[in-house]
Protein backbone atom coordinates (compact mmCIF):
# COMPACT_ATOMS: atom_id res chain seq x y z
CA UNK A 1 0.00 0.00 0.00
CA UNK A 2 1.36 3.40 -0.94
CA UNK A 3 1.00 5.91 1.85
CA UNK A 4 -0.46 9.21 0.75
CA UNK A 5 0.61 11.85 3.28
CA UNK A 6 -2.27 14.11 2.24
CA UNK A 7 -4.81 11.56 3.45
CA UNK A 8 -2.93 10.46 6.59
CA UNK A 9 -3.93 6.83 6.15
CA UNK A 10 -3.12 5.44 9.57
CA UNK A 11 -4.90 3.27 12.13
CA UNK A 12 -6.36 6.45 13.67
CA UNK A 13 -8.68 6.90 10.67
CA UNK A 14 -12.15 5.34 11.03
CA UNK A 15 -12.10 3.39 7.74
CA UNK A 16 -8.66 1.91 8.47
CA UNK A 17 -9.49 1.14 12.11
CA UNK A 18 -12.76 -0.47 11.06
CA UNK A 19 -11.11 -2.56 8.37
CA UNK A 20 -8.25 -3.80 10.57
CA UNK A 21 -10.44 -4.67 13.53
CA UNK A 22 -13.32 -6.14 11.52
CA UNK A 23 -11.06 -9.19 11.40
CA UNK A 24 -11.86 -11.12 14.56
CA UNK A 25 -8.29 -12.30 15.13
CA UNK A 26 -6.99 -8.69 15.16
CA UNK A 27 -9.64 -7.57 17.64
CA UNK A 28 -9.05 -10.63 19.81
CA UNK A 29 -5.29 -9.99 19.89
CA UNK A 30 -5.85 -6.32 20.82
CA UNK A 31 -8.21 -7.17 23.68
CA UNK A 32 -5.96 -9.97 24.94
CA UNK A 33 -3.05 -7.51 24.97
CA UNK A 34 -4.97 -4.79 26.81
CA UNK A 35 -6.83 -7.08 29.25
CA UNK A 36 -4.67 -10.21 29.67
CA UNK A 37 -6.19 -11.18 33.04
CA UNK A 38 -9.63 -11.76 31.50
CA UNK A 39 -8.52 -14.79 29.47
CA UNK A 40 -10.53 -13.72 26.40
CA UNK A 41 -10.53 -16.56 23.85
CA UNK A 42 -13.17 -15.49 21.35
CA UNK A 43 -15.16 -12.38 20.48
CA UNK A 44 -17.92 -11.28 18.16
CA UNK A 45 -16.85 -8.00 16.52
CA UNK A 46 -18.88 -5.06 15.22
CA UNK A 47 -16.72 -2.16 13.99
CA UNK A 48 -18.47 1.22 13.81
CA UNK A 49 -21.50 -0.01 15.79
CA UNK A 50 -24.33 2.54 15.90
CA UNK A 51 -26.12 2.85 19.22
CA UNK A 52 -28.92 5.11 20.41
CA UNK A 53 -30.49 5.42 16.96
CA UNK A 54 -33.40 7.49 18.20
CA UNK A 55 -34.28 10.25 15.78
CA UNK A 56 -34.15 13.21 18.16
CA UNK A 57 -31.26 12.11 20.39
CA UNK A 58 -27.49 12.17 20.02
CA UNK A 59 -26.37 9.24 17.87
CA UNK A 60 -23.30 7.31 18.99
CA UNK A 61 -21.00 5.30 16.76
CA UNK A 62 -18.66 3.05 18.73
CA UNK A 63 -15.28 2.65 16.95
CA UNK A 64 -14.84 -1.00 17.89
CA UNK A 65 -17.52 -3.00 19.68
CA UNK A 66 -16.94 -6.61 20.72
CA UNK A 67 -18.71 -9.15 22.89
CA UNK A 68 -17.20 -12.34 24.26
CA UNK A 69 -18.93 -15.69 24.87
CA UNK A 70 -19.62 -14.70 28.51
CA UNK A 71 -21.56 -11.62 27.36
CA UNK A 72 -18.89 -9.12 28.43
CA UNK A 73 -18.88 -6.03 26.23
CA UNK A 74 -15.75 -4.24 25.01
CA UNK A 75 -15.77 -0.80 23.41
CA UNK A 76 -12.46 0.55 22.11
CA UNK A 77 -12.48 4.22 21.13
CA UNK A 78 -9.70 5.91 19.17
CA UNK A 79 -9.57 9.56 20.25
CA UNK A 80 -7.28 11.60 18.01
CA UNK A 81 -7.96 15.01 19.45
CA UNK A 82 -7.63 16.37 22.95
CA UNK A 83 -10.95 15.99 24.70
CA UNK A 84 -12.21 18.86 26.84
CA UNK A 85 -14.28 16.54 29.04
CA UNK A 86 -12.85 12.97 28.78
CA UNK A 87 -14.54 11.85 32.00
CA UNK A 88 -17.94 13.00 30.79
CA UNK A 89 -17.40 11.29 27.41
CA UNK A 90 -16.47 8.08 29.22
CA UNK A 91 -19.60 8.25 31.40
CA UNK A 92 -21.78 8.88 28.35
CA UNK A 93 -20.30 5.92 26.44
CA UNK A 94 -20.71 3.72 29.53
CA UNK A 95 -24.37 4.68 29.88
CA UNK A 96 -25.04 3.93 26.19
CA UNK A 97 -23.28 0.56 26.50
CA UNK A 98 -25.36 -0.26 29.59
CA UNK A 99 -28.58 0.61 27.77
CA UNK A 100 -27.59 -1.57 24.82
CA UNK A 101 -26.69 -4.52 27.06
CA UNK A 102 -30.17 -4.81 28.57
CA UNK A 103 -32.94 -6.55 26.70
CA UNK A 104 -36.48 -5.19 27.09
CA UNK A 105 -37.96 -6.34 30.39
CA UNK A 106 -34.63 -7.24 32.03
CA UNK A 107 -33.84 -5.90 35.48
CA UNK A 108 -30.86 -3.62 36.09
CA UNK A 109 -28.96 -6.47 37.74
CA UNK A 110 -28.76 -8.04 34.26
CA UNK A 111 -26.47 -5.29 32.88
CA UNK A 112 -23.48 -6.97 31.23
CA UNK A 113 -19.92 -6.36 32.39
CA UNK A 114 -18.56 -3.63 30.14
CA UNK A 115 -15.07 -2.37 29.38
CA UNK A 116 -14.69 1.05 27.75
CA UNK A 117 -11.19 1.64 26.44
CA UNK A 118 -10.43 5.21 25.41
CA UNK A 119 -7.13 5.63 23.61
CA UNK A 120 -6.00 9.19 23.04
CA UNK A 121 -3.49 9.45 20.22
CA UNK A 122 -1.53 12.62 19.76
CA UNK A 123 -1.34 13.33 16.07
CA UNK A 124 1.11 15.92 14.79
CA UNK A 125 -0.05 17.58 11.62
CA UNK A 126 2.02 19.81 9.38
C-alpha atoms as a PDB file:
ATOM      1  CA  UNK A   1       0.000   0.000   0.000  1.00  0.00           C
ATOM      2  CA  UNK A   2       1.362   3.402  -0.943  1.00  0.00           C
ATOM      3  CA  UNK A   3       1.001   5.915   1.853  1.00  0.00           C
ATOM      4  CA  UNK A   4      -0.462   9.210   0.753  1.00  0.00           C
ATOM      5  CA  UNK A   5       0.605  11.851   3.278  1.00  0.00           C
ATOM      6  CA  UNK A   6      -2.266  14.113   2.241  1.00  0.00           C
ATOM      7  CA  UNK A   7      -4.814  11.562   3.453  1.00  0.00           C
ATOM      8  CA  UNK A   8      -2.926  10.461   6.593  1.00  0.00           C
ATOM      9  CA  UNK A   9      -3.931   6.827   6.147  1.00  0.00           C
ATOM     10  CA  UNK A  10      -3.121   5.440   9.573  1.00  0.00           C
ATOM     11  CA  UNK A  11      -4.897   3.272  12.133  1.00  0.00           C
ATOM     12  CA  UNK A  12      -6.356   6.446  13.665  1.00  0.00           C
ATOM     13  CA  UNK A  13      -8.682   6.904  10.666  1.00  0.00           C
ATOM     14  CA  UNK A  14     -12.150   5.343  11.027  1.00  0.00           C
ATOM     15  CA  UNK A  15     -12.102   3.386   7.736  1.00  0.00           C
ATOM     16  CA  UNK A  16      -8.663   1.907   8.469  1.00  0.00           C
ATOM     17  CA  UNK A  17      -9.487   1.137  12.113  1.00  0.00           C
ATOM     18  CA  UNK A  18     -12.764  -0.469  11.063  1.00  0.00           C
ATOM     19  CA  UNK A  19     -11.108  -2.556   8.367  1.00  0.00           C
ATOM     20  CA  UNK A  20      -8.248  -3.804  10.571  1.00  0.00           C
ATOM     21  CA  UNK A  21     -10.443  -4.674  13.529  1.00  0.00           C
ATOM     22  CA  UNK A  22     -13.318  -6.136  11.519  1.00  0.00           C
ATOM     23  CA  UNK A  23     -11.060  -9.191  11.399  1.00  0.00           C
ATOM     24  CA  UNK A  24     -11.862 -11.120  14.560  1.00  0.00           C
ATOM     25  CA  UNK A  25      -8.289 -12.299  15.132  1.00  0.00           C
ATOM     26  CA  UNK A  26      -6.994  -8.687  15.163  1.00  0.00           C
ATOM     27  CA  UNK A  27      -9.638  -7.568  17.639  1.00  0.00           C
ATOM     28  CA  UNK A  28      -9.045 -10.633  19.807  1.00  0.00           C
ATOM     29  CA  UNK A  29      -5.295  -9.992  19.888  1.00  0.00           C
ATOM     30  CA  UNK A  30      -5.845  -6.322  20.819  1.00  0.00           C
ATOM     31  CA  UNK A  31      -8.208  -7.168  23.680  1.00  0.00           C
ATOM     32  CA  UNK A  32      -5.961  -9.971  24.943  1.00  0.00           C
ATOM     33  CA  UNK A  33      -3.045  -7.507  24.970  1.00  0.00           C
ATOM     34  CA  UNK A  34      -4.967  -4.790  26.814  1.00  0.00           C
ATOM     35  CA  UNK A  35      -6.830  -7.083  29.247  1.00  0.00           C
ATOM     36  CA  UNK A  36      -4.665 -10.214  29.667  1.00  0.00           C
ATOM     37  CA  UNK A  37      -6.189 -11.183  33.038  1.00  0.00           C
ATOM     38  CA  UNK A  38      -9.635 -11.762  31.498  1.00  0.00           C
ATOM     39  CA  UNK A  39      -8.515 -14.785  29.467  1.00  0.00           C
ATOM     40  CA  UNK A  40     -10.535 -13.725  26.402  1.00  0.00           C
ATOM     41  CA  UNK A  41     -10.531 -16.561  23.847  1.00  0.00           C
ATOM     42  CA  UNK A  42     -13.166 -15.486  21.353  1.00  0.00           C
ATOM     43  CA  UNK A  43     -15.162 -12.384  20.479  1.00  0.00           C
ATOM     44  CA  UNK A  44     -17.922 -11.275  18.162  1.00  0.00           C
ATOM     45  CA  UNK A  45     -16.846  -8.000  16.522  1.00  0.00           C
ATOM     46  CA  UNK A  46     -18.875  -5.059  15.222  1.00  0.00           C
ATOM     47  CA  UNK A  47     -16.722  -2.158  13.990  1.00  0.00           C
ATOM     48  CA  UNK A  48     -18.472   1.219  13.808  1.00  0.00           C
ATOM     49  CA  UNK A  49     -21.503  -0.014  15.787  1.00  0.00           C
ATOM     50  CA  UNK A  50     -24.326   2.544  15.900  1.00  0.00           C
ATOM     51  CA  UNK A  51     -26.119   2.855  19.216  1.00  0.00           C
ATOM     52  CA  UNK A  52     -28.915   5.106  20.410  1.00  0.00           C
ATOM     53  CA  UNK A  53     -30.488   5.424  16.958  1.00  0.00           C
ATOM     54  CA  UNK A  54     -33.404   7.493  18.198  1.00  0.00           C
ATOM     55  CA  UNK A  55     -34.279  10.253  15.777  1.00  0.00           C
ATOM     56  CA  UNK A  56     -34.149  13.207  18.161  1.00  0.00           C
ATOM     57  CA  UNK A  57     -31.260  12.105  20.389  1.00  0.00           C
ATOM     58  CA  UNK A  58     -27.487  12.170  20.021  1.00  0.00           C
ATOM     59  CA  UNK A  59     -26.369   9.245  17.874  1.00  0.00           C
ATOM     60  CA  UNK A  60     -23.299   7.310  18.993  1.00  0.00           C
ATOM     61  CA  UNK A  61     -21.000   5.295  16.756  1.00  0.00           C
ATOM     62  CA  UNK A  62     -18.658   3.054  18.730  1.00  0.00           C
ATOM     63  CA  UNK A  63     -15.284   2.650  16.952  1.00  0.00           C
ATOM     64  CA  UNK A  64     -14.842  -1.001  17.893  1.00  0.00           C
ATOM     65  CA  UNK A  65     -17.518  -3.001  19.682  1.00  0.00           C
ATOM     66  CA  UNK A  66     -16.944  -6.606  20.720  1.00  0.00           C
ATOM     67  CA  UNK A  67     -18.707  -9.149  22.888  1.00  0.00           C
ATOM     68  CA  UNK A  68     -17.203 -12.345  24.261  1.00  0.00           C
ATOM     69  CA  UNK A  69     -18.927 -15.686  24.871  1.00  0.00           C
ATOM     70  CA  UNK A  70     -19.621 -14.698  28.510  1.00  0.00           C
ATOM     71  CA  UNK A  71     -21.555 -11.623  27.359  1.00  0.00           C
ATOM     72  CA  UNK A  72     -18.890  -9.117  28.430  1.00  0.00           C
ATOM     73  CA  UNK A  73     -18.880  -6.028  26.228  1.00  0.00           C
ATOM     74  CA  UNK A  74     -15.755  -4.243  25.009  1.00  0.00           C
ATOM     75  CA  UNK A  75     -15.768  -0.796  23.412  1.00  0.00           C
ATOM     76  CA  UNK A  76     -12.458   0.552  22.109  1.00  0.00           C
ATOM     77  CA  UNK A  77     -12.477   4.224  21.133  1.00  0.00           C
ATOM     78  CA  UNK A  78      -9.700   5.910  19.172  1.00  0.00           C
ATOM     79  CA  UNK A  79      -9.566   9.561  20.251  1.00  0.00           C
ATOM     80  CA  UNK A  80      -7.282  11.596  18.005  1.00  0.00           C
ATOM     81  CA  UNK A  81      -7.963  15.014  19.445  1.00  0.00           C
ATOM     82  CA  UNK A  82      -7.629  16.365  22.946  1.00  0.00           C
ATOM     83  CA  UNK A  83     -10.953  15.991  24.699  1.00  0.00           C
ATOM     84  CA  UNK A  84     -12.212  18.857  26.838  1.00  0.00           C
ATOM     85  CA  UNK A  85     -14.280  16.538  29.038  1.00  0.00           C
ATOM     86  CA  UNK A  86     -12.854  12.974  28.778  1.00  0.00           C
ATOM     87  CA  UNK A  87     -14.540  11.852  32.004  1.00  0.00           C
ATOM     88  CA  UNK A  88     -17.939  13.003  30.791  1.00  0.00           C
ATOM     89  CA  UNK A  89     -17.397  11.288  27.414  1.00  0.00           C
ATOM     90  CA  UNK A  90     -16.466   8.083  29.219  1.00  0.00           C
ATOM     91  CA  UNK A  91     -19.601   8.246  31.399  1.00  0.00           C
ATOM     92  CA  UNK A  92     -21.783   8.876  28.348  1.00  0.00           C
ATOM     93  CA  UNK A  93     -20.304   5.923  26.436  1.00  0.00           C
ATOM     94  CA  UNK A  94     -20.710   3.724  29.526  1.00  0.00           C
ATOM     95  CA  UNK A  95     -24.373   4.681  29.877  1.00  0.00           C
ATOM     96  CA  UNK A  96     -25.044   3.934  26.193  1.00  0.00           C
ATOM     97  CA  UNK A  97     -23.280   0.560  26.501  1.00  0.00           C
ATOM     98  CA  UNK A  98     -25.358  -0.256  29.594  1.00  0.00           C
ATOM     99  CA  UNK A  99     -28.577   0.611  27.768  1.00  0.00           C
ATOM    100  CA  UNK A 100     -27.591  -1.574  24.825  1.00  0.00           C
ATOM    101  CA  UNK A 101     -26.686  -4.520  27.056  1.00  0.00           C
ATOM    102  CA  UNK A 102     -30.172  -4.805  28.573  1.00  0.00           C
ATOM    103  CA  UNK A 103     -32.939  -6.546  26.702  1.00  0.00           C
ATOM    104  CA  UNK A 104     -36.483  -5.192  27.095  1.00  0.00           C
ATOM    105  CA  UNK A 105     -37.964  -6.338  30.393  1.00  0.00           C
ATOM    106  CA  UNK A 106     -34.635  -7.240  32.032  1.00  0.00           C
ATOM    107  CA  UNK A 107     -33.840  -5.898  35.479  1.00  0.00           C
ATOM    108  CA  UNK A 108     -30.863  -3.620  36.091  1.00  0.00           C
ATOM    109  CA  UNK A 109     -28.958  -6.473  37.739  1.00  0.00           C
ATOM    110  CA  UNK A 110     -28.757  -8.040  34.261  1.00  0.00           C
ATOM    111  CA  UNK A 111     -26.470  -5.292  32.884  1.00  0.00           C
ATOM    112  CA  UNK A 112     -23.479  -6.972  31.233  1.00  0.00           C
ATOM    113  CA  UNK A 113     -19.921  -6.363  32.395  1.00  0.00           C
ATOM    114  CA  UNK A 114     -18.563  -3.626  30.145  1.00  0.00           C
ATOM    115  CA  UNK A 115     -15.070  -2.365  29.377  1.00  0.00           C
ATOM    116  CA  UNK A 116     -14.691   1.049  27.755  1.00  0.00           C
ATOM    117  CA  UNK A 117     -11.185   1.644  26.440  1.00  0.00           C
ATOM    118  CA  UNK A 118     -10.427   5.212  25.405  1.00  0.00           C
ATOM    119  CA  UNK A 119      -7.130   5.632  23.612  1.00  0.00           C
ATOM    120  CA  UNK A 120      -5.996   9.191  23.036  1.00  0.00           C
ATOM    121  CA  UNK A 121      -3.492   9.447  20.225  1.00  0.00           C
ATOM    122  CA  UNK A 122      -1.531  12.617  19.764  1.00  0.00           C
ATOM    123  CA  UNK A 123      -1.338  13.329  16.067  1.00  0.00           C
ATOM    124  CA  UNK A 124       1.112  15.920  14.789  1.00  0.00           C
ATOM    125  CA  UNK A 125      -0.051  17.581  11.624  1.00  0.00           C
ATOM    126  CA  UNK A 126       2.023  19.810   9.385  1.00  0.00           C
END
